[in-house]
Amino acid sequence: MSALFAGKVLRANRERDELDTERELRGALDNKVLLLYFGSGQCPRCQRFSPLLRDFFQRLTDEFYVERSSQLGLVYVSRDETEEQQSAFLRSMPRRWLALPFGDTFASKSKEMKELRKTKSQMEGLEE
């Protein structure tokens, strides 16, 4: 999964420590179940969902509950309108969450890929 973020910088915690070398990214992401959370602290649906995700993540990364707690990773892909909103949201979430820096193009590129897949799927449907 680290290849997905090649050339990107991930923030490792709320103190803004950065993972930016391939070695650091591989250590944080490879051989893990990786959750990508596209969210916003201002979105009402995200406000309802985020506490559930936080509790789920904490239980699956706490050695008290599971044997292999280090096998789950989460990358927050901000849809927040400002960097301050993103920072405020991340302060309320687990320290182990990773996050792309505010304004990173990953989210818009992911949206473009989704639209391309949807268009391709629609075109394949027409061919039948």
N, C-alpha and C. Protein backbone atom coordinates (compact mmCIF):
# COMPACT_ATOMS: atom_id res chain seq x y z
N MET A 1 0.80 -1.21 0.00
CA MET A 1 0.00 0.00 0.00
C MET A 1 0.84 1.27 0.00
N SER A 2 2.08 1.16 0.39
CA SER A 2 2.90 2.38 0.42
C SER A 2 3.07 2.96 -0.98
N ALA A 3 2.97 2.13 -2.02
CA ALA A 3 3.12 2.63 -3.39
C ALA A 3 2.03 3.64 -3.73
N LEU A 4 0.87 3.51 -3.11
CA LEU A 4 -0.23 4.43 -3.33
C LEU A 4 0.15 5.86 -2.93
N PHE A 5 1.07 5.98 -1.98
CA PHE A 5 1.47 7.28 -1.47
C PHE A 5 2.91 7.64 -1.83
N ALA A 6 3.46 6.97 -2.83
CA ALA A 6 4.84 7.27 -3.26
C ALA A 6 4.94 8.74 -3.66
N GLY A 7 5.97 9.40 -3.18
CA GLY A 7 6.17 10.81 -3.48
C GLY A 7 5.31 11.75 -2.66
N LYS A 8 4.52 11.21 -1.75
CA LYS A 8 3.66 12.03 -0.89
C LYS A 8 4.30 12.15 0.49
N VAL A 9 3.81 13.07 1.25
CA VAL A 9 4.19 13.24 2.65
C VAL A 9 2.96 12.93 3.48
N LEU A 10 3.10 12.09 4.49
CA LEU A 10 2.00 11.81 5.41
C LEU A 10 2.37 12.37 6.77
N ARG A 11 1.42 12.97 7.43
CA ARG A 11 1.63 13.43 8.79
C ARG A 11 1.36 12.25 9.72
N ALA A 12 2.29 12.04 10.63
CA ALA A 12 2.23 10.85 11.47
C ALA A 12 1.40 11.04 12.73
N ASN A 13 1.17 12.24 13.14
CA ASN A 13 0.36 12.47 14.33
C ASN A 13 -0.04 13.93 14.39
N ARG A 14 -0.67 14.29 15.47
CA ARG A 14 -1.17 15.66 15.59
C ARG A 14 -0.04 16.68 15.73
N GLU A 15 1.14 16.22 16.05
CA GLU A 15 2.28 17.14 16.18
C GLU A 15 2.92 17.42 14.82
N ARG A 16 2.35 16.84 13.77
CA ARG A 16 2.80 17.08 12.40
C ARG A 16 4.15 16.47 12.07
N ASP A 17 4.54 15.42 12.77
CA ASP A 17 5.72 14.69 12.35
C ASP A 17 5.42 14.11 10.98
N GLU A 18 6.39 14.18 10.09
CA GLU A 18 6.12 13.76 8.72
C GLU A 18 6.84 12.47 8.36
N LEU A 19 6.12 11.62 7.64
CA LEU A 19 6.71 10.43 7.03
C LEU A 19 6.88 10.79 5.57
N ASP A 20 8.11 10.92 5.13
CA ASP A 20 8.29 11.33 3.75
C ASP A 20 9.29 10.49 2.97
N THR A 21 10.00 9.61 3.63
CA THR A 21 10.91 8.75 2.87
C THR A 21 10.18 7.45 2.56
N GLU A 22 10.61 6.80 1.50
CA GLU A 22 9.97 5.52 1.14
C GLU A 22 10.06 4.52 2.27
N ARG A 23 11.17 4.52 2.97
CA ARG A 23 11.36 3.58 4.08
C ARG A 23 10.35 3.83 5.19
N GLU A 24 10.14 5.11 5.53
CA GLU A 24 9.17 5.45 6.57
C GLU A 24 7.75 5.09 6.13
N LEU A 25 7.42 5.37 4.87
CA LEU A 25 6.09 5.05 4.36
C LEU A 25 5.86 3.54 4.35
N ARG A 26 6.86 2.79 3.90
CA ARG A 26 6.71 1.32 3.89
C ARG A 26 6.51 0.80 5.31
N GLY A 27 7.27 1.31 6.26
CA GLY A 27 7.13 0.87 7.64
C GLY A 27 5.76 1.15 8.22
N ALA A 28 5.17 2.26 7.82
CA ALA A 28 3.87 2.66 8.36
C ALA A 28 2.70 2.00 7.64
N LEU A 29 2.89 1.61 6.36
CA LEU A 29 1.74 1.17 5.57
C LEU A 29 1.78 -0.26 5.06
N ASP A 30 2.96 -0.79 4.78
CA ASP A 30 3.02 -2.12 4.19
C ASP A 30 2.62 -3.21 5.17
N ASN A 31 2.04 -4.26 4.63
CA ASN A 31 1.59 -5.42 5.40
C ASN A 31 0.55 -5.05 6.45
N LYS A 32 -0.29 -4.10 6.11
CA LYS A 32 -1.37 -3.70 7.01
C LYS A 32 -2.67 -3.60 6.22
N VAL A 33 -3.74 -3.73 6.94
CA VAL A 33 -5.03 -3.39 6.37
C VAL A 33 -5.11 -1.88 6.49
N LEU A 34 -5.25 -1.22 5.36
CA LEU A 34 -5.21 0.24 5.35
C LEU A 34 -6.59 0.80 5.06
N LEU A 35 -7.05 1.66 5.94
CA LEU A 35 -8.32 2.34 5.76
C LEU A 35 -8.03 3.75 5.25
N LEU A 36 -8.72 4.15 4.21
CA LEU A 36 -8.64 5.52 3.72
C LEU A 36 -9.95 6.19 4.12
N TYR A 37 -9.84 7.23 4.92
CA TYR A 37 -11.04 7.94 5.38
C TYR A 37 -11.11 9.30 4.72
N PHE A 38 -12.00 9.42 3.74
CA PHE A 38 -12.27 10.69 3.07
C PHE A 38 -13.36 11.37 3.89
N GLY A 39 -13.00 12.38 4.64
CA GLY A 39 -13.98 12.99 5.53
C GLY A 39 -13.71 14.46 5.78
N SER A 40 -14.62 15.05 6.54
CA SER A 40 -14.52 16.45 6.92
C SER A 40 -15.12 16.61 8.31
N GLY A 41 -14.45 17.36 9.14
CA GLY A 41 -14.97 17.61 10.48
C GLY A 41 -16.24 18.44 10.48
N GLN A 42 -16.55 19.10 9.37
CA GLN A 42 -17.73 19.95 9.28
C GLN A 42 -18.94 19.23 8.69
N CYS A 43 -18.74 18.07 8.13
CA CYS A 43 -19.81 17.31 7.48
C CYS A 43 -20.67 16.60 8.54
N PRO A 44 -21.99 16.81 8.54
CA PRO A 44 -22.85 16.16 9.54
C PRO A 44 -22.75 14.63 9.53
N ARG A 45 -22.69 14.03 8.35
CA ARG A 45 -22.56 12.56 8.30
C ARG A 45 -21.22 12.12 8.87
N CYS A 46 -20.17 12.86 8.56
CA CYS A 46 -18.84 12.53 9.09
C CYS A 46 -18.81 12.72 10.60
N GLN A 47 -19.51 13.73 11.10
CA GLN A 47 -19.57 13.96 12.54
C GLN A 47 -20.23 12.80 13.27
N ARG A 48 -21.19 12.15 12.62
CA ARG A 48 -21.85 10.98 13.22
C ARG A 48 -20.98 9.73 13.08
N PHE A 49 -20.30 9.61 11.94
CA PHE A 49 -19.52 8.41 11.64
C PHE A 49 -18.15 8.39 12.34
N SER A 50 -17.50 9.54 12.44
CA SER A 50 -16.13 9.61 12.95
C SER A 50 -15.95 9.01 14.35
N PRO A 51 -16.86 9.25 15.31
CA PRO A 51 -16.68 8.61 16.62
C PRO A 51 -16.75 7.09 16.54
N LEU A 52 -17.59 6.57 15.66
CA LEU A 52 -17.68 5.11 15.48
C LEU A 52 -16.38 4.57 14.90
N LEU A 53 -15.85 5.27 13.90
CA LEU A 53 -14.59 4.86 13.29
C LEU A 53 -13.45 4.95 14.30
N ARG A 54 -13.44 6.03 15.07
CA ARG A 54 -12.40 6.21 16.10
C ARG A 54 -12.43 5.03 17.08
N ASP A 55 -13.61 4.67 17.58
CA ASP A 55 -13.72 3.56 18.54
C ASP A 55 -13.33 2.24 17.90
N PHE A 56 -13.77 2.02 16.67
CA PHE A 56 -13.40 0.81 15.93
C PHE A 56 -11.88 0.72 15.79
N PHE A 57 -11.26 1.81 15.36
CA PHE A 57 -9.81 1.85 15.17
C PHE A 57 -9.08 1.62 16.49
N GLN A 58 -9.53 2.27 17.55
CA GLN A 58 -8.86 2.12 18.83
C GLN A 58 -8.93 0.69 19.33
N ARG A 59 -10.08 0.05 19.18
CA ARG A 59 -10.19 -1.34 19.63
C ARG A 59 -9.30 -2.27 18.82
N LEU A 60 -9.19 -2.03 17.51
CA LEU A 60 -8.39 -2.92 16.67
C LEU A 60 -6.90 -2.59 16.68
N THR A 61 -6.53 -1.52 17.37
CA THR A 61 -5.10 -1.21 17.48
C THR A 61 -4.64 -1.23 18.93
N ASP A 62 -5.48 -1.74 19.81
CA ASP A 62 -5.14 -1.85 21.22
C ASP A 62 -4.85 -3.31 21.55
N GLU A 63 -3.67 -3.58 22.06
CA GLU A 63 -3.26 -4.96 22.36
C GLU A 63 -4.16 -5.63 23.40
N PHE A 64 -4.89 -4.85 24.17
CA PHE A 64 -5.82 -5.40 25.14
C PHE A 64 -6.94 -6.17 24.45
N TYR A 65 -7.34 -5.70 23.26
CA TYR A 65 -8.46 -6.29 22.54
C TYR A 65 -8.06 -7.30 21.47
N VAL A 66 -6.93 -7.08 20.81
CA VAL A 66 -6.53 -7.95 19.71
C VAL A 66 -5.06 -8.35 19.84
N GLU A 67 -4.75 -9.52 19.26
CA GLU A 67 -3.39 -10.04 19.33
C GLU A 67 -2.40 -9.25 18.48
N ARG A 68 -2.78 -8.92 17.29
CA ARG A 68 -1.87 -8.26 16.35
C ARG A 68 -2.36 -6.83 16.08
N SER A 69 -2.18 -6.00 17.05
CA SER A 69 -2.75 -4.66 17.00
C SER A 69 -2.11 -3.74 15.98
N SER A 70 -0.94 -4.06 15.51
CA SER A 70 -0.24 -3.14 14.61
C SER A 70 -0.58 -3.39 13.14
N GLN A 71 -1.56 -4.22 12.84
CA GLN A 71 -1.85 -4.57 11.46
C GLN A 71 -2.93 -3.71 10.81
N LEU A 72 -3.32 -2.66 11.47
CA LEU A 72 -4.33 -1.77 10.91
C LEU A 72 -3.76 -0.36 10.85
N GLY A 73 -3.95 0.28 9.71
CA GLY A 73 -3.52 1.67 9.55
C GLY A 73 -4.66 2.48 8.97
N LEU A 74 -4.64 3.77 9.22
CA LEU A 74 -5.67 4.64 8.69
C LEU A 74 -5.02 5.92 8.18
N VAL A 75 -5.43 6.34 7.00
CA VAL A 75 -4.97 7.61 6.43
C VAL A 75 -6.21 8.49 6.24
N TYR A 76 -6.18 9.65 6.88
CA TYR A 76 -7.26 10.62 6.75
C TYR A 76 -6.97 11.48 5.52
N VAL A 77 -7.93 11.47 4.60
CA VAL A 77 -7.84 12.30 3.40
C VAL A 77 -8.86 13.42 3.58
N SER A 78 -8.35 14.58 3.88
CA SER A 78 -9.20 15.70 4.28
C SER A 78 -10.05 16.24 3.14
N ARG A 79 -11.30 16.45 3.47
CA ARG A 79 -12.22 17.19 2.60
C ARG A 79 -12.62 18.49 3.30
N ASP A 80 -11.84 18.85 4.34
CA ASP A 80 -12.10 20.06 5.10
C ASP A 80 -11.85 21.29 4.24
N GLU A 81 -12.51 22.38 4.57
CA GLU A 81 -12.37 23.61 3.80
C GLU A 81 -11.12 24.40 4.16
N THR A 82 -10.63 24.24 5.39
CA THR A 82 -9.43 24.97 5.81
C THR A 82 -8.49 24.05 6.56
N GLU A 83 -7.25 24.46 6.62
CA GLU A 83 -6.26 23.69 7.37
C GLU A 83 -6.59 23.68 8.86
N GLU A 84 -7.15 24.76 9.35
CA GLU A 84 -7.54 24.84 10.76
C GLU A 84 -8.64 23.82 11.08
N GLN A 85 -9.59 23.65 10.17
CA GLN A 85 -10.64 22.65 10.37
C GLN A 85 -10.05 21.25 10.39
N GLN A 86 -9.11 20.99 9.48
CA GLN A 86 -8.48 19.67 9.46
C GLN A 86 -7.73 19.42 10.77
N SER A 87 -6.97 20.40 11.22
CA SER A 87 -6.20 20.25 12.46
C SER A 87 -7.12 20.02 13.66
N ALA A 88 -8.21 20.78 13.73
CA ALA A 88 -9.16 20.63 14.84
C ALA A 88 -9.77 19.23 14.83
N PHE A 89 -10.12 18.75 13.65
CA PHE A 89 -10.69 17.40 13.55
C PHE A 89 -9.69 16.35 14.01
N LEU A 90 -8.45 16.45 13.53
CA LEU A 90 -7.45 15.44 13.87
C LEU A 90 -7.10 15.45 15.35
N ARG A 91 -7.24 16.58 16.02
CA ARG A 91 -6.97 16.63 17.46
C ARG A 91 -7.93 15.75 18.24
N SER A 92 -9.11 15.50 17.69
CA SER A 92 -10.10 14.69 18.38
C SER A 92 -10.02 13.21 18.00
N MET A 93 -9.07 12.87 17.15
CA MET A 93 -8.93 11.49 16.67
C MET A 93 -7.65 10.85 17.22
N PRO A 94 -7.52 9.53 17.10
CA PRO A 94 -6.35 8.84 17.64
C PRO A 94 -5.03 9.35 17.05
N ARG A 95 -4.01 9.37 17.87
CA ARG A 95 -2.68 9.82 17.44
C ARG A 95 -2.10 8.94 16.34
N ARG A 96 -2.52 7.70 16.28
CA ARG A 96 -1.95 6.77 15.31
C ARG A 96 -2.50 6.96 13.91
N TRP A 97 -3.51 7.79 13.76
CA TRP A 97 -4.01 8.07 12.42
C TRP A 97 -2.96 8.84 11.64
N LEU A 98 -2.80 8.50 10.39
CA LEU A 98 -1.95 9.26 9.48
C LEU A 98 -2.86 10.21 8.70
N ALA A 99 -2.28 11.27 8.17
CA ALA A 99 -3.08 12.21 7.39
C ALA A 99 -2.24 12.81 6.29
N LEU A 100 -2.88 13.02 5.16
CA LEU A 100 -2.24 13.79 4.09
C LEU A 100 -2.28 15.26 4.49
N PRO A 101 -1.27 16.02 4.12
CA PRO A 101 -1.30 17.45 4.44
C PRO A 101 -2.51 18.13 3.78
N PHE A 102 -2.97 19.19 4.39
CA PHE A 102 -4.11 19.93 3.85
C PHE A 102 -3.78 20.39 2.43
N GLY A 103 -4.73 20.24 1.55
CA GLY A 103 -4.57 20.70 0.17
C GLY A 103 -3.88 19.69 -0.74
N ASP A 104 -3.54 18.51 -0.23
CA ASP A 104 -2.91 17.51 -1.08
C ASP A 104 -3.87 17.12 -2.20
N THR A 105 -3.33 16.81 -3.36
CA THR A 105 -4.15 16.51 -4.54
C THR A 105 -4.65 15.06 -4.58
N PHE A 106 -4.30 14.24 -3.62
CA PHE A 106 -4.70 12.83 -3.63
C PHE A 106 -6.22 12.68 -3.72
N ALA A 107 -6.96 13.47 -2.96
CA ALA A 107 -8.42 13.35 -2.94
C ALA A 107 -9.01 13.66 -4.30
N SER A 108 -8.54 14.73 -4.94
CA SER A 108 -9.11 15.08 -6.25
C SER A 108 -8.72 14.05 -7.30
N LYS A 109 -7.51 13.52 -7.22
CA LYS A 109 -7.10 12.48 -8.16
C LYS A 109 -7.91 11.20 -7.94
N SER A 110 -8.20 10.89 -6.69
CA SER A 110 -9.01 9.70 -6.40
C SER A 110 -10.41 9.87 -6.96
N LYS A 111 -10.95 11.08 -6.84
CA LYS A 111 -12.29 11.36 -7.39
C LYS A 111 -12.28 11.21 -8.90
N GLU A 112 -11.22 11.69 -9.56
CA GLU A 112 -11.10 11.55 -11.01
C GLU A 112 -11.06 10.08 -11.41
N MET A 113 -10.30 9.27 -10.66
CA MET A 113 -10.20 7.84 -10.97
C MET A 113 -11.56 7.16 -10.81
N LYS A 114 -12.30 7.55 -9.78
CA LYS A 114 -13.63 6.97 -9.55
C LYS A 114 -14.54 7.31 -10.73
N GLU A 115 -14.49 8.55 -11.20
CA GLU A 115 -15.32 8.96 -12.34
C GLU A 115 -14.92 8.19 -13.60
N LEU A 116 -13.62 7.98 -13.80
CA LEU A 116 -13.17 7.22 -14.97
C LEU A 116 -13.68 5.78 -14.90
N ARG A 117 -13.60 5.16 -13.72
CA ARG A 117 -14.08 3.79 -13.57
C ARG A 117 -15.59 3.73 -13.82
N LYS A 118 -16.31 4.72 -13.32
CA LYS A 118 -17.76 4.75 -13.51
C LYS A 118 -18.09 4.90 -15.00
N THR A 119 -17.39 5.78 -15.68
CA THR A 119 -17.61 5.98 -17.12
C THR A 119 -17.28 4.71 -17.89
N LYS A 120 -16.17 4.08 -17.55
CA LYS A 120 -15.77 2.84 -18.22
C LYS A 120 -16.84 1.77 -18.01
N SER A 121 -17.34 1.68 -16.79
CA SER A 121 -18.37 0.69 -16.48
C SER A 121 -19.64 0.97 -17.29
N GLN A 122 -20.00 2.22 -17.42
CA GLN A 122 -21.20 2.59 -18.19
C GLN A 122 -20.99 2.26 -19.67
N MET A 123 -19.79 2.51 -20.17
CA MET A 123 -19.48 2.24 -21.57
C MET A 123 -19.52 0.72 -21.83
N GLU A 124 -19.00 -0.05 -20.91
CA GLU A 124 -19.03 -1.51 -21.07
C GLU A 124 -20.45 -2.01 -21.10
N GLY A 125 -21.33 -1.37 -20.30
CA GLY A 125 -22.74 -1.75 -20.29
C GLY A 125 -23.41 -1.49 -21.63
N LEU A 126 -22.96 -0.46 -22.32
CA LEU A 126 -23.55 -0.13 -23.63
C LEU A 126 -23.14 -1.14 -24.70
N GLU A 127 -21.96 -1.74 -24.52
CA GLU A 127 -21.43 -2.66 -25.53
C GLU A 127 -22.17 -3.99 -25.54
N GLU A 128 -22.83 -4.31 -24.45
CA GLU A 128 -23.49 -5.62 -24.36
C GLU A 128 -24.74 -5.71 -25.16
